[in-house]
Each structure stands twice: as structure tokens, then as C-alpha cells.
Amino acid sequence: MVYQFSLRDWSDFGLGILVRNDSKILTHIKVGQVITFKIHKPEGNIAEHPLEAEIRHISEPENGRHPDHKIVGLHICQGI
């Protein structure tokens, strides 16, 4: 499966992606899981090789921001 999300800097929470509550991706991921991904920009790839990230948390956005979404917090481990 291929999913595409925007990687964001959530400041206190670090890097993560915003995922709709009804997205099927939430049935395929869990905290502690290591995933492989690539970072892209319109001009091309940022990273030449895939990267690994550990899912650190799946949580509600604070203060009611982004209703009906979850934040999936990521810790980038290394390139493959």
C-alpha cells in the first residue's frame, strides 16, 4: 500500500502526520511500529533512499484543532 501525507513539525510533539479518523491507515499502524517512508517535494526527492521512522504516538490534536483527525507522531530512526 502507498499512502501520501504531509510531514509537519508539531513543535512540542516533534514531527508527525495528520490523519483523518476514518482513514484506513489507522487500522494498519500502531505505536512502536517502525515504518519505511520517502520524503518528496515538488522538485523531487529530499532523501535519495527510504527512511525509517518509529511511530511514537497516535493522539488527538490539542485544543480541538483539526477535528476528526489524529496526529501520528514519528521519530526518524535512520536511512535504509
Protein backbone atom coordinates (compact mmCIF):
# COMPACT_ATOMS: atom_id res chain seq x y z
CA MET A 1 0.00 0.00 0.00
CA VAL A 2 1.12 3.52 -0.68
CA TYR A 3 -0.17 6.46 1.35
CA GLN A 4 0.79 10.09 0.97
CA PHE A 5 0.73 12.55 3.90
CA SER A 6 2.26 15.90 4.73
CA LEU A 7 5.01 15.68 7.34
CA ARG A 8 4.63 18.52 9.84
CA ASP A 9 6.61 19.96 12.71
CA TRP A 10 4.23 19.94 15.68
CA SER A 11 6.78 21.77 17.90
CA ASP A 12 6.33 20.25 21.38
CA PHE A 13 5.33 16.93 19.83
CA GLY A 14 8.02 16.83 17.13
CA LEU A 15 7.41 15.55 13.60
CA GLY A 16 4.21 13.84 12.65
CA ILE A 17 1.41 13.45 10.16
CA LEU A 18 -2.23 14.46 10.40
CA VAL A 19 -4.59 11.58 9.61
CA ARG A 20 -8.39 11.61 9.35
CA ASN A 21 -10.12 9.40 11.93
CA ASP A 22 -11.79 7.40 9.15
CA SER A 23 -8.54 6.74 7.23
CA LYS A 24 -7.79 3.04 6.70
CA ILE A 25 -4.12 3.71 7.55
CA LEU A 26 -5.09 3.78 11.24
CA THR A 27 -6.03 0.09 11.04
CA HIS A 28 -2.54 -0.76 9.73
CA ILE A 29 -0.32 1.12 12.19
CA LYS A 30 0.37 1.02 15.93
CA VAL A 31 2.60 2.74 18.46
CA GLY A 32 6.11 1.26 18.47
CA GLN A 33 5.89 0.07 14.86
CA VAL A 34 8.76 1.01 12.54
CA ILE A 35 7.66 2.15 9.10
CA THR A 36 9.59 2.88 5.91
CA PHE A 37 8.89 6.08 4.01
CA LYS A 38 10.25 8.58 1.49
CA ILE A 39 10.14 12.36 1.69
CA HIS A 40 9.18 14.15 -1.53
CA LYS A 41 8.95 17.77 -2.62
CA PRO A 42 7.51 19.06 -5.90
CA GLU A 43 11.11 19.48 -7.12
CA GLY A 44 11.95 15.82 -6.37
CA ASN A 45 13.04 13.55 -3.52
CA ILE A 46 14.70 15.09 -0.46
CA ALA A 47 16.14 11.77 0.64
CA GLU A 48 17.69 9.60 -2.02
CA HIS A 49 16.98 6.43 -0.04
CA PRO A 50 13.96 5.38 2.03
CA LEU A 51 13.97 6.35 5.71
CA GLU A 52 12.72 4.51 8.80
CA ALA A 53 10.58 6.06 11.50
CA GLU A 54 9.11 4.71 14.71
CA ILE A 55 5.51 5.60 15.49
CA ARG A 56 5.75 7.24 18.92
CA HIS A 57 2.11 8.17 19.50
CA ILE A 58 -1.31 8.34 17.89
CA SER A 59 -3.16 11.13 19.64
CA GLU A 60 -5.86 13.78 19.45
CA PRO A 61 -4.77 17.26 18.36
CA GLU A 62 -4.82 19.66 21.32
CA ASN A 63 -7.40 22.38 21.95
CA GLY A 64 -9.92 20.98 19.48
CA ARG A 65 -7.74 21.83 16.49
CA HIS A 66 -8.23 19.61 13.45
CA PRO A 67 -11.49 17.92 14.49
CA ASP A 68 -11.96 14.33 13.28
CA HIS A 69 -8.19 13.80 12.95
CA LYS A 70 -5.34 12.10 14.80
CA ILE A 71 -1.70 13.12 14.99
CA VAL A 72 0.69 10.26 14.30
CA GLY A 73 3.98 11.24 15.96
CA LEU A 74 7.13 9.96 14.27
CA HIS A 75 10.76 9.56 15.34
CA ILE A 76 13.01 9.30 12.32
CA CYS A 77 15.44 6.48 13.07
CA GLN A 78 17.73 6.20 10.05
CA GLY A 79 18.02 5.80 6.32
CA ILE A 80 17.89 2.31 4.89
